Amino acid sequence: MPVNASYEFANAEKKFLAAQTDEEKLEGLEEMIRTVPKHKGSENIVANLRTRYAKLQDKIEKARIQKKGKGGNSRFSIKKGEMQVTLVGLTNSGKSSILSALTNAQPKIASYGFTTQEPEIGILYYENCQIQIIDLPAIGADTFDTGAINTSDTVLLVVEKLHEIPEVEKVLTKFKGKRIVVFNKVDLYDSNTERKIRETLKSKKYNFAMISCRTGEGFDELKEKIFKSFSKIRIYTKSPDQADHDSEPVIMKPNSTVESVAKIIFKGHLEVIKRTRIWGPSSKFGGQEIGLKHELKDKDILEFLTR
């Protein structure tokens, strides 16, 4: 238990320790992350809880996939995260290496074709947000399935040649979300060829990133483009006795109100709120007292005083 642990965190920890199933343990960890005291001394504890949460989430999804396979159903069942990205590409395009570089996942990586036989899941931590990344089997594999693609928010089209883009796009006919072309293995090209590839992608008006898993080139740009593709806002909260806000934001749609955030935090029991103060882009001044209908902006900080 961390120093100065709250009553809520202590209860969440008890819930986790008493859990009988992985799903119950995941709920307990989620509650522990939400209620752990946020200060300098607890940063390692928060990081450890998030790592445990991501690994357990990955374990549950893999077990669900295997169960589906044994039942003879070829469709993969993946619990959708708040923000979900799917990697799609031809065999040996480097999708697994990208998943490994972006997240905590450790997929099998090999030089032979069709290495990935079932979806691999990892969590990208960016700007204090958790983004679920799914690496699907390569297009053409017996286990390739478009179900996860069509439910994702964003798809990364992983290619290493320009002519591969139309071939990958063929499986996206029903996909309505955002697309980012990820041109992988740019370290194999000289600067002049790389420049020509970049200009071609620009001329075709693709949203793209050029990367190298070997050198790390382009990954900062890719992470930023992934995050921006969701059109979400981050709302931070703090209690009256906290000097700083919680490190984990509440992820909301643009133009969300204080009321919509409060419903999530207080499980719909808005009557417990006595007053609300705000700091950030949508406030006129720091600590402004506002009502539930106040419209929020990215990186606003809310303080709820309860009865």
C-alpha atoms as a PDB file:
ATOM      1  CA  MET A   1       0.000   0.000   0.000  1.00  0.00           C
ATOM      2  CA  PRO A   2       1.440   3.434  -0.927  1.00  0.00           C
ATOM      3  CA  VAL A   3       2.131   6.173   1.581  1.00  0.00           C
ATOM      4  CA  ASN A   4      -0.998   8.186   2.505  1.00  0.00           C
ATOM      5  CA  ALA A   5      -3.246   5.688   0.728  1.00  0.00           C
ATOM      6  CA  SER A   6      -6.885   6.724   0.646  1.00  0.00           C
ATOM      7  CA  TYR A   7      -9.789   4.671   1.954  1.00  0.00           C
ATOM      8  CA  GLU A   8     -10.894   4.093  -1.654  1.00  0.00           C
ATOM      9  CA  PHE A   9      -7.474   2.751  -2.661  1.00  0.00           C
ATOM     10  CA  ALA A  10      -7.377   0.410   0.347  1.00  0.00           C
ATOM     11  CA  ASN A  11     -10.774  -1.011  -0.648  1.00  0.00           C
ATOM     12  CA  ALA A  12      -9.655  -1.393  -4.264  1.00  0.00           C
ATOM     13  CA  GLU A  13      -6.543  -3.267  -3.123  1.00  0.00           C
ATOM     14  CA  LYS A  14      -8.653  -5.611  -0.999  1.00  0.00           C
ATOM     15  CA  LYS A  15     -10.911  -6.207  -3.992  1.00  0.00           C
ATOM     16  CA  PHE A  16      -7.890  -7.079  -6.133  1.00  0.00           C
ATOM     17  CA  LEU A  17      -6.401  -9.461  -3.556  1.00  0.00           C
ATOM     18  CA  ALA A  18      -9.744 -11.216  -3.087  1.00  0.00           C
ATOM     19  CA  ALA A  19     -10.364 -11.597  -6.841  1.00  0.00           C
ATOM     20  CA  GLN A  20     -10.959 -15.136  -8.067  1.00  0.00           C
ATOM     21  CA  THR A  21     -10.756 -14.537 -11.828  1.00  0.00           C
ATOM     22  CA  ASP A  22      -8.503 -12.507 -14.121  1.00  0.00           C
ATOM     23  CA  GLU A  23     -11.472 -10.312 -15.031  1.00  0.00           C
ATOM     24  CA  GLU A  24     -12.076  -9.506 -11.351  1.00  0.00           C
ATOM     25  CA  LYS A  25      -8.363  -8.797 -10.875  1.00  0.00           C
ATOM     26  CA  LEU A  26      -8.476  -6.418 -13.873  1.00  0.00           C
ATOM     27  CA  GLU A  27     -11.383  -4.514 -12.312  1.00  0.00           C
ATOM     28  CA  GLY A  28      -9.471  -4.291  -9.035  1.00  0.00           C
ATOM     29  CA  LEU A  29      -6.339  -2.971 -10.756  1.00  0.00           C
ATOM     30  CA  GLU A  30      -8.388  -0.430 -12.713  1.00  0.00           C
ATOM     31  CA  GLU A  31      -9.874   0.860  -9.468  1.00  0.00           C
ATOM     32  CA  MET A  32      -6.443   0.930  -7.796  1.00  0.00           C
ATOM     33  CA  ILE A  33      -5.023   3.023 -10.662  1.00  0.00           C
ATOM     34  CA  ARG A  34      -7.969   5.410 -10.418  1.00  0.00           C
ATOM     35  CA  THR A  35      -7.745   5.868  -6.633  1.00  0.00           C
ATOM     36  CA  VAL A  36      -3.995   5.663  -5.926  1.00  0.00           C
ATOM     37  CA  PRO A  37      -2.649   8.925  -4.458  1.00  0.00           C
ATOM     38  CA  LYS A  38      -0.977  10.935  -7.222  1.00  0.00           C
ATOM     39  CA  HIS A  39       2.236  12.550  -6.027  1.00  0.00           C
ATOM     40  CA  LYS A  40       5.976  12.352  -6.687  1.00  0.00           C
ATOM     41  CA  GLY A  41       6.478   9.503  -4.224  1.00  0.00           C
ATOM     42  CA  SER A  42       3.860   7.285  -5.858  1.00  0.00           C
ATOM     43  CA  GLU A  43       5.069   7.518  -9.493  1.00  0.00           C
ATOM     44  CA  ASN A  44       6.774   4.091  -9.383  1.00  0.00           C
ATOM     45  CA  ILE A  45       3.663   2.521  -7.843  1.00  0.00           C
ATOM     46  CA  VAL A  46       1.436   3.996 -10.566  1.00  0.00           C
ATOM     47  CA  ALA A  47       3.824   2.788 -13.295  1.00  0.00           C
ATOM     48  CA  ASN A  48       3.885  -0.711 -11.767  1.00  0.00           C
ATOM     49  CA  LEU A  49       0.081  -0.857 -11.564  1.00  0.00           C
ATOM     50  CA  ARG A  50      -0.266   0.212 -15.201  1.00  0.00           C
ATOM     51  CA  THR A  51       2.238  -2.438 -16.339  1.00  0.00           C
ATOM     52  CA  ARG A  52       0.384  -5.144 -14.410  1.00  0.00           C
ATOM     53  CA  TYR A  53      -2.925  -3.929 -15.834  1.00  0.00           C
ATOM     54  CA  ALA A  54      -1.647  -4.008 -19.432  1.00  0.00           C
ATOM     55  CA  LYS A  55      -0.138  -7.499 -19.051  1.00  0.00           C
ATOM     56  CA  LEU A  56      -3.302  -8.881 -17.468  1.00  0.00           C
ATOM     57  CA  GLN A  57      -5.469  -7.278 -20.152  1.00  0.00           C
ATOM     58  CA  ASP A  58      -3.258  -8.867 -22.804  1.00  0.00           C
ATOM     59  CA  LYS A  59      -3.541 -12.278 -21.074  1.00  0.00           C
ATOM     60  CA  ILE A  60      -7.350 -12.067 -20.943  1.00  0.00           C
ATOM     61  CA  GLU A  61      -7.624 -11.131 -24.622  1.00  0.00           C
ATOM     62  CA  LYS A  62      -5.324 -13.964 -25.698  1.00  0.00           C
ATOM     63  CA  ALA A  63      -7.351 -16.452 -23.635  1.00  0.00           C
ATOM     64  CA  ARG A  64     -10.560 -15.173 -25.238  1.00  0.00           C
ATOM     65  CA  ILE A  65      -9.063 -15.536 -28.717  1.00  0.00           C
ATOM     66  CA  GLN A  66      -7.896 -19.096 -28.009  1.00  0.00           C
ATOM     67  CA  LYS A  67     -11.319 -20.006 -26.643  1.00  0.00           C
ATOM     68  CA  LYS A  68     -12.958 -18.697 -29.816  1.00  0.00           C
ATOM     69  CA  GLY A  69     -10.542 -20.729 -31.919  1.00  0.00           C
ATOM     70  CA  LYS A  70     -11.340 -23.956 -30.070  1.00  0.00           C
ATOM     71  CA  GLY A  71     -15.026 -23.340 -30.614  1.00  0.00           C
ATOM     72  CA  GLY A  72     -14.493 -23.264 -34.374  1.00  0.00           C
ATOM     73  CA  ASN A  73     -15.276 -19.567 -34.783  1.00  0.00           C
ATOM     74  CA  SER A  74     -12.768 -17.840 -37.054  1.00  0.00           C
ATOM     75  CA  ARG A  75     -13.694 -14.360 -35.864  1.00  0.00           C
ATOM     76  CA  PHE A  76     -11.527 -12.893 -33.125  1.00  0.00           C
ATOM     77  CA  SER A  77     -13.268 -11.392 -30.119  1.00  0.00           C
ATOM     78  CA  ILE A  78     -11.292  -8.437 -28.780  1.00  0.00           C
ATOM     79  CA  LYS A  79     -12.598  -6.149 -26.059  1.00  0.00           C
ATOM     80  CA  LYS A  80     -12.328  -2.668 -27.539  1.00  0.00           C
ATOM     81  CA  GLY A  81     -10.302  -0.101 -25.651  1.00  0.00           C
ATOM     82  CA  GLU A  82     -11.274   3.547 -25.252  1.00  0.00           C
ATOM     83  CA  MET A  83      -8.882   4.321 -28.125  1.00  0.00           C
ATOM     84  CA  GLN A  84      -8.064   1.443 -30.454  1.00  0.00           C
ATOM     85  CA  VAL A  85      -5.598   1.175 -33.343  1.00  0.00           C
ATOM     86  CA  THR A  86      -5.137  -1.811 -35.673  1.00  0.00           C
ATOM     87  CA  LEU A  87      -1.980  -2.640 -37.628  1.00  0.00           C
ATOM     88  CA  VAL A  88      -2.739  -3.975 -41.124  1.00  0.00           C
ATOM     89  CA  GLY A  89      -0.211  -5.038 -43.748  1.00  0.00           C
ATOM     90  CA  LEU A  90       1.294  -7.717 -45.947  1.00  0.00           C
ATOM     91  CA  THR A  91       3.584 -10.410 -44.592  1.00  0.00           C
ATOM     92  CA  ASN A  92       7.058  -9.262 -43.481  1.00  0.00           C
ATOM     93  CA  SER A  93       6.011  -5.604 -43.517  1.00  0.00           C
ATOM     94  CA  GLY A  94       7.280  -5.222 -39.947  1.00  0.00           C
ATOM     95  CA  LYS A  95       3.966  -4.929 -38.077  1.00  0.00           C
ATOM     96  CA  SER A  96       5.164  -6.999 -35.106  1.00  0.00           C
ATOM     97  CA  SER A  97       8.337  -4.911 -34.782  1.00  0.00           C
ATOM     98  CA  ILE A  98       6.203  -1.764 -34.785  1.00  0.00           C
ATOM     99  CA  LEU A  99       3.917  -3.194 -32.087  1.00  0.00           C
ATOM    100  CA  SER A 100       6.976  -4.036 -29.982  1.00  0.00           C
ATOM    101  CA  ALA A 101       8.445  -0.546 -30.446  1.00  0.00           C
ATOM    102  CA  LEU A 102       5.175   1.248 -29.625  1.00  0.00           C
ATOM    103  CA  THR A 103       3.921  -0.837 -26.693  1.00  0.00           C
ATOM    104  CA  ASN A 104       4.748  -3.212 -23.862  1.00  0.00           C
ATOM    105  CA  ALA A 105       3.892  -6.254 -26.026  1.00  0.00           C
ATOM    106  CA  GLN A 106       6.516  -8.847 -26.946  1.00  0.00           C
ATOM    107  CA  PRO A 107       5.241 -10.461 -30.148  1.00  0.00           C
ATOM    108  CA  LYS A 108       7.119 -13.149 -32.039  1.00  0.00           C
ATOM    109  CA  ILE A 109       9.347 -11.520 -34.658  1.00  0.00           C
ATOM    110  CA  ALA A 110      10.948 -13.576 -37.444  1.00  0.00           C
ATOM    111  CA  SER A 111      12.233 -13.186 -41.000  1.00  0.00           C
ATOM    112  CA  TYR A 112       9.913 -15.829 -42.478  1.00  0.00           C
ATOM    113  CA  GLY A 113       6.404 -15.030 -43.700  1.00  0.00           C
ATOM    114  CA  PHE A 114       3.132 -15.073 -41.751  1.00  0.00           C
ATOM    115  CA  THR A 115       4.815 -15.119 -38.330  1.00  0.00           C
ATOM    116  CA  THR A 116       1.769 -13.616 -36.593  1.00  0.00           C
ATOM    117  CA  GLN A 117      -0.975 -16.263 -36.444  1.00  0.00           C
ATOM    118  CA  GLU A 118      -3.359 -14.539 -34.032  1.00  0.00           C
ATOM    119  CA  PRO A 119      -3.920 -10.924 -32.974  1.00  0.00           C
ATOM    120  CA  GLU A 120      -1.289  -9.495 -30.632  1.00  0.00           C
ATOM    121  CA  ILE A 121      -2.353  -6.709 -28.290  1.00  0.00           C
ATOM    122  CA  GLY A 122      -0.299  -4.006 -26.589  1.00  0.00           C
ATOM    123  CA  ILE A 123      -0.856  -0.669 -24.852  1.00  0.00           C
ATOM    124  CA  LEU A 124       0.774   2.552 -26.035  1.00  0.00           C
ATOM    125  CA  TYR A 125       1.126   5.132 -23.245  1.00  0.00           C
ATOM    126  CA  TYR A 126       1.122   8.615 -24.757  1.00  0.00           C
ATOM    127  CA  GLU A 127       0.311  11.946 -23.133  1.00  0.00           C
ATOM    128  CA  ASN A 128      -0.933  10.041 -20.062  1.00  0.00           C
ATOM    129  CA  CYS A 129      -3.420   8.136 -22.235  1.00  0.00           C
ATOM    130  CA  GLN A 130      -3.703   4.407 -22.858  1.00  0.00           C
ATOM    131  CA  ILE A 131      -4.074   3.486 -26.537  1.00  0.00           C
ATOM    132  CA  GLN A 132      -4.827  -0.124 -27.453  1.00  0.00           C
ATOM    133  CA  ILE A 133      -2.761  -1.371 -30.405  1.00  0.00           C
ATOM    134  CA  ILE A 134      -3.736  -4.597 -32.214  1.00  0.00           C
ATOM    135  CA  ASP A 135      -1.409  -6.374 -34.621  1.00  0.00           C
ATOM    136  CA  LEU A 136      -3.443  -8.608 -36.922  1.00  0.00           C
ATOM    137  CA  PRO A 137      -2.112 -11.591 -38.880  1.00  0.00           C
ATOM    138  CA  ALA A 138      -0.828 -10.518 -42.296  1.00  0.00           C
ATOM    139  CA  ILE A 139      -3.240 -10.056 -45.192  1.00  0.00           C
ATOM    140  CA  GLY A 140      -3.497 -13.434 -46.901  1.00  0.00           C
ATOM    141  CA  ALA A 141      -2.963 -15.493 -43.731  1.00  0.00           C
ATOM    142  CA  ASP A 142      -5.541 -18.179 -42.961  1.00  0.00           C
ATOM    143  CA  THR A 143      -6.316 -16.407 -39.670  1.00  0.00           C
ATOM    144  CA  PHE A 144      -6.606 -12.894 -41.122  1.00  0.00           C
ATOM    145  CA  ASP A 145     -10.002 -11.395 -40.269  1.00  0.00           C
ATOM    146  CA  THR A 146     -11.408  -7.918 -40.975  1.00  0.00           C
ATOM    147  CA  GLY A 147     -13.690  -7.853 -37.912  1.00  0.00           C
ATOM    148  CA  ALA A 148     -11.177  -6.047 -35.678  1.00  0.00           C
ATOM    149  CA  ILE A 149     -10.375  -3.571 -38.461  1.00  0.00           C
ATOM    150  CA  ASN A 150     -13.954  -2.389 -38.883  1.00  0.00           C
ATOM    151  CA  THR A 151     -14.456  -1.724 -35.161  1.00  0.00           C
ATOM    152  CA  SER A 152     -11.171   0.178 -34.704  1.00  0.00           C
ATOM    153  CA  ASP A 153     -10.923   3.953 -34.459  1.00  0.00           C
ATOM    154  CA  THR A 154      -7.705   4.147 -36.480  1.00  0.00           C
ATOM    155  CA  VAL A 155      -5.881   1.806 -38.858  1.00  0.00           C
ATOM    156  CA  LEU A 156      -2.151   1.860 -39.560  1.00  0.00           C
ATOM    157  CA  LEU A 157      -1.450   0.674 -43.119  1.00  0.00           C
ATOM    158  CA  VAL A 158       2.037  -0.760 -42.773  1.00  0.00           C
ATOM    159  CA  VAL A 159       3.981  -0.898 -46.061  1.00  0.00           C
ATOM    160  CA  GLU A 160       7.589  -0.926 -47.260  1.00  0.00           C
ATOM    161  CA  LYS A 161       6.887  -0.160 -50.924  1.00  0.00           C
ATOM    162  CA  LEU A 162       4.559   2.453 -52.433  1.00  0.00           C
ATOM    163  CA  HIS A 163       2.776  -0.085 -54.648  1.00  0.00           C
ATOM    164  CA  GLU A 164       1.668  -2.022 -51.531  1.00  0.00           C
ATOM    165  CA  ILE A 165      -0.686   0.749 -50.375  1.00  0.00           C
ATOM    166  CA  PRO A 166      -3.566  -0.034 -52.828  1.00  0.00           C
ATOM    167  CA  GLU A 167      -3.260  -3.742 -52.010  1.00  0.00           C
ATOM    168  CA  VAL A 168      -3.627  -3.074 -48.274  1.00  0.00           C
ATOM    169  CA  GLU A 169      -6.479  -0.621 -48.901  1.00  0.00           C
ATOM    170  CA  LYS A 170      -8.515  -3.410 -50.528  1.00  0.00           C
ATOM    171  CA  VAL A 171      -9.313  -4.889 -47.085  1.00  0.00           C
ATOM    172  CA  LEU A 172     -10.526  -1.510 -45.754  1.00  0.00           C
ATOM    173  CA  THR A 173     -13.684  -1.199 -47.863  1.00  0.00           C
ATOM    174  CA  LYS A 174     -15.952  -1.179 -44.785  1.00  0.00           C
ATOM    175  CA  PHE A 175     -13.635   0.780 -42.506  1.00  0.00           C
ATOM    176  CA  LYS A 176     -14.918   4.285 -41.686  1.00  0.00           C
ATOM    177  CA  GLY A 177     -12.258   5.508 -39.249  1.00  0.00           C
ATOM    178  CA  LYS A 178      -8.949   7.348 -39.624  1.00  0.00           C
ATOM    179  CA  ARG A 179      -6.070   5.941 -41.700  1.00  0.00           C
ATOM    180  CA  ILE A 180      -2.337   6.475 -41.322  1.00  0.00           C
ATOM    181  CA  VAL A 181       0.089   5.061 -43.878  1.00  0.00           C
ATOM    182  CA  VAL A 182       3.189   3.816 -42.047  1.00  0.00           C
ATOM    183  CA  PHE A 183       6.072   3.520 -44.493  1.00  0.00           C
ATOM    184  CA  ASN A 184       8.439   1.140 -42.692  1.00  0.00           C
ATOM    185  CA  LYS A 185      12.158   0.301 -43.151  1.00  0.00           C
ATOM    186  CA  VAL A 186      13.177   3.726 -44.466  1.00  0.00           C
ATOM    187  CA  ASP A 187      16.722   2.965 -43.260  1.00  0.00           C
ATOM    188  CA  LEU A 188      17.062   0.772 -46.377  1.00  0.00           C
ATOM    189  CA  TYR A 189      16.868   3.824 -48.668  1.00  0.00           C
ATOM    190  CA  ASP A 190      19.308   6.654 -49.346  1.00  0.00           C
ATOM    191  CA  SER A 191      18.272  10.222 -48.524  1.00  0.00           C
ATOM    192  CA  ASN A 192      17.326  11.067 -52.104  1.00  0.00           C
ATOM    193  CA  THR A 193      15.036   8.036 -52.476  1.00  0.00           C
ATOM    194  CA  GLU A 194      13.503   8.701 -49.074  1.00  0.00           C
ATOM    195  CA  ARG A 195      12.773  12.279 -50.142  1.00  0.00           C
ATOM    196  CA  LYS A 196      11.049  11.079 -53.327  1.00  0.00           C
ATOM    197  CA  ILE A 197       8.906   8.614 -51.365  1.00  0.00           C
ATOM    198  CA  ARG A 198       7.894  11.379 -48.949  1.00  0.00           C
ATOM    199  CA  GLU A 199       6.958  13.724 -51.807  1.00  0.00           C
ATOM    200  CA  THR A 200       4.882  11.001 -53.484  1.00  0.00           C
ATOM    201  CA  LEU A 201       2.951  10.329 -50.272  1.00  0.00           C
ATOM    202  CA  LYS A 202       2.351  14.069 -49.856  1.00  0.00           C
ATOM    203  CA  SER A 203       1.159  14.441 -53.452  1.00  0.00           C
ATOM    204  CA  LYS A 204      -1.407  11.678 -52.910  1.00  0.00           C
ATOM    205  CA  LYS A 205      -2.551  13.476 -49.723  1.00  0.00           C
ATOM    206  CA  TYR A 206      -1.936  10.515 -47.430  1.00  0.00           C
ATOM    207  CA  ASN A 207      -1.695  11.007 -43.691  1.00  0.00           C
ATOM    208  CA  PHE A 208       1.598   9.202 -43.236  1.00  0.00           C
ATOM    209  CA  ALA A 209       4.699   8.594 -41.143  1.00  0.00           C
ATOM    210  CA  MET A 210       8.037   7.241 -42.357  1.00  0.00           C
ATOM    211  CA  ILE A 211       9.754   5.066 -39.791  1.00  0.00           C
ATOM    212  CA  SER A 212      12.542   2.597 -39.110  1.00  0.00           C
ATOM    213  CA  CYS A 213      12.257   0.020 -36.345  1.00  0.00           C
ATOM    214  CA  ARG A 214      16.022  -0.500 -36.550  1.00  0.00           C
ATOM    215  CA  THR A 215      17.018   3.146 -36.006  1.00  0.00           C
ATOM    216  CA  GLY A 216      13.903   4.477 -34.252  1.00  0.00           C
ATOM    217  CA  GLU A 217      13.426   7.159 -36.918  1.00  0.00           C
ATOM    218  CA  GLY A 218       9.914   8.600 -37.169  1.00  0.00           C
ATOM    219  CA  PHE A 219       8.369   7.023 -34.073  1.00  0.00           C
ATOM    220  CA  ASP A 220       7.791  10.308 -32.219  1.00  0.00           C
ATOM    221  CA  GLU A 221       5.883  11.614 -35.246  1.00  0.00           C
ATOM    222  CA  LEU A 222       3.925   8.356 -35.537  1.00  0.00           C
ATOM    223  CA  LYS A 223       2.878   8.404 -31.870  1.00  0.00           C
ATOM    224  CA  GLU A 224       1.698  12.011 -32.184  1.00  0.00           C
ATOM    225  CA  LYS A 225      -0.312  11.229 -35.338  1.00  0.00           C
ATOM    226  CA  ILE A 226      -1.898   8.189 -33.674  1.00  0.00           C
ATOM    227  CA  PHE A 227      -3.015  10.275 -30.702  1.00  0.00           C
ATOM    228  CA  LYS A 228      -4.340  13.133 -32.840  1.00  0.00           C
ATOM    229  CA  SER A 229      -6.361  10.712 -34.984  1.00  0.00           C
ATOM    230  CA  PHE A 230      -8.860  10.097 -32.164  1.00  0.00           C
ATOM    231  CA  SER A 231     -10.263  13.626 -31.809  1.00  0.00           C
ATOM    232  CA  LYS A 232     -10.516  13.212 -28.052  1.00  0.00           C
ATOM    233  CA  ILE A 233      -9.939  15.619 -25.185  1.00  0.00           C
ATOM    234  CA  ARG A 234      -8.182  14.882 -21.896  1.00  0.00           C
ATOM    235  CA  ILE A 235      -9.835  16.072 -18.703  1.00  0.00           C
ATOM    236  CA  TYR A 236      -7.829  15.886 -15.494  1.00  0.00           C
ATOM    237  CA  THR A 237      -9.294  15.864 -11.998  1.00  0.00           C
ATOM    238  CA  LYS A 238      -8.029  16.813  -8.564  1.00  0.00           C
ATOM    239  CA  SER A 239      -9.409  16.726  -5.062  1.00  0.00           C
ATOM    240  CA  PRO A 240      -9.453  19.879  -2.909  1.00  0.00           C
ATOM    241  CA  ASP A 241      -6.547  18.574  -0.810  1.00  0.00           C
ATOM    242  CA  GLN A 242      -4.339  17.875  -3.837  1.00  0.00           C
ATOM    243  CA  ALA A 243      -1.755  20.378  -5.034  1.00  0.00           C
ATOM    244  CA  ASP A 244      -1.604  18.781  -8.468  1.00  0.00           C
ATOM    245  CA  HIS A 245      -4.090  16.939 -10.667  1.00  0.00           C
ATOM    246  CA  ASP A 246      -4.246  13.165 -11.209  1.00  0.00           C
ATOM    247  CA  SER A 247      -1.838  11.920 -13.856  1.00  0.00           C
ATOM    248  CA  GLU A 248      -4.492   9.772 -15.553  1.00  0.00           C
ATOM    249  CA  PRO A 249      -7.004  11.856 -17.562  1.00  0.00           C
ATOM    250  CA  VAL A 250     -10.625  11.070 -18.295  1.00  0.00           C
ATOM    251  CA  ILE A 251     -10.891  10.656 -22.075  1.00  0.00           C
ATOM    252  CA  MET A 252     -13.899  12.471 -23.544  1.00  0.00           C
ATOM    253  CA  LYS A 253     -15.355  13.577 -26.856  1.00  0.00           C
ATOM    254  CA  PRO A 254     -14.818  17.218 -27.919  1.00  0.00           C
ATOM    255  CA  ASN A 255     -17.391  19.672 -26.507  1.00  0.00           C
ATOM    256  CA  SER A 256     -18.156  17.410 -23.525  1.00  0.00           C
ATOM    257  CA  THR A 257     -19.553  19.106 -20.433  1.00  0.00           C
ATOM    258  CA  VAL A 258     -18.653  18.977 -16.755  1.00  0.00           C
ATOM    259  CA  GLU A 259     -21.818  16.925 -16.251  1.00  0.00           C
ATOM    260  CA  SER A 260     -20.647  14.171 -18.633  1.00  0.00           C
ATOM    261  CA  VAL A 261     -17.338  13.854 -16.761  1.00  0.00           C
ATOM    262  CA  ALA A 262     -19.066  13.902 -13.370  1.00  0.00           C
ATOM    263  CA  LYS A 263     -21.384  11.077 -14.421  1.00  0.00           C
ATOM    264  CA  ILE A 264     -18.345   8.893 -15.087  1.00  0.00           C
ATOM    265  CA  ILE A 265     -16.505   9.784 -11.892  1.00  0.00           C
ATOM    266  CA  PHE A 266     -19.500   9.609  -9.557  1.00  0.00           C
ATOM    267  CA  LYS A 267     -21.260   6.723 -11.333  1.00  0.00           C
ATOM    268  CA  GLY A 268     -24.220   8.969 -12.174  1.00  0.00           C
ATOM    269  CA  HIS A 269     -24.742  10.288  -8.610  1.00  0.00           C
ATOM    270  CA  LEU A 270     -24.511  13.993  -9.389  1.00  0.00           C
ATOM    271  CA  GLU A 271     -26.334  14.943  -6.190  1.00  0.00           C
ATOM    272  CA  VAL A 272     -23.098  14.451  -4.201  1.00  0.00           C
ATOM    273  CA  ILE A 273     -21.464  17.411  -5.954  1.00  0.00           C
ATOM    274  CA  LYS A 274     -21.518  20.617  -3.929  1.00  0.00           C
ATOM    275  CA  ARG A 275     -19.527  22.800  -6.320  1.00  0.00           C
ATOM    276  CA  THR A 276     -16.980  22.521  -9.123  1.00  0.00           C
ATOM    277  CA  ARG A 277     -13.891  24.577  -9.908  1.00  0.00           C
ATOM    278  CA  ILE A 278     -11.805  24.572 -13.073  1.00  0.00           C
ATOM    279  CA  TRP A 279      -8.317  25.417 -14.310  1.00  0.00           C
ATOM    280  CA  GLY A 280      -7.217  25.305 -17.921  1.00  0.00           C
ATOM    281  CA  PRO A 281      -8.107  26.397 -21.485  1.00  0.00           C
ATOM    282  CA  SER A 282     -11.878  26.728 -20.944  1.00  0.00           C
ATOM    283  CA  SER A 283     -11.633  28.719 -17.701  1.00  0.00           C
ATOM    284  CA  LYS A 284     -11.682  32.504 -17.475  1.00  0.00           C
ATOM    285  CA  PHE A 285      -9.231  32.320 -14.549  1.00  0.00           C
ATOM    286  CA  GLY A 286      -7.689  29.589 -12.420  1.00  0.00           C
ATOM    287  CA  GLY A 287     -10.089  28.154  -9.855  1.00  0.00           C
ATOM    288  CA  GLN A 288     -13.198  29.541 -11.555  1.00  0.00           C
ATOM    289  CA  GLU A 289     -16.406  28.102 -10.094  1.00  0.00           C
ATOM    290  CA  ILE A 290     -18.584  26.623 -12.851  1.00  0.00           C
ATOM    291  CA  GLY A 291     -21.822  24.708 -13.418  1.00  0.00           C
ATOM    292  CA  LEU A 292     -22.451  21.257 -14.815  1.00  0.00           C
ATOM    293  CA  LYS A 293     -23.278  22.582 -18.300  1.00  0.00           C
ATOM    294  CA  HIS A 294     -19.846  24.196 -18.733  1.00  0.00           C
ATOM    295  CA  GLU A 295     -18.230  23.025 -22.006  1.00  0.00           C
ATOM    296  CA  LEU A 296     -14.729  21.611 -21.608  1.00  0.00           C
ATOM    297  CA  LYS A 297     -11.519  21.820 -23.622  1.00  0.00           C
ATOM    298  CA  ASP A 298      -8.463  19.594 -23.863  1.00  0.00           C
ATOM    299  CA  LYS A 299      -6.306  19.559 -20.684  1.00  0.00           C
ATOM    300  CA  ASP A 300      -8.881  21.241 -18.446  1.00  0.00           C
ATOM    301  CA  ILE A 301      -8.546  20.375 -14.744  1.00  0.00           C
ATOM    302  CA  LEU A 302     -11.674  19.858 -12.626  1.00  0.00           C
ATOM    303  CA  GLU A 303     -11.968  19.934  -8.857  1.00  0.00           C
ATOM    304  CA  PHE A 304     -15.186  18.531  -7.385  1.00  0.00           C
ATOM    305  CA  LEU A 305     -16.153  19.466  -3.839  1.00  0.00           C
ATOM    306  CA  THR A 306     -18.638  16.887  -2.539  1.00  0.00           C
ATOM    307  CA  ARG A 307     -21.249  17.041   0.200  1.00  0.00           C
END
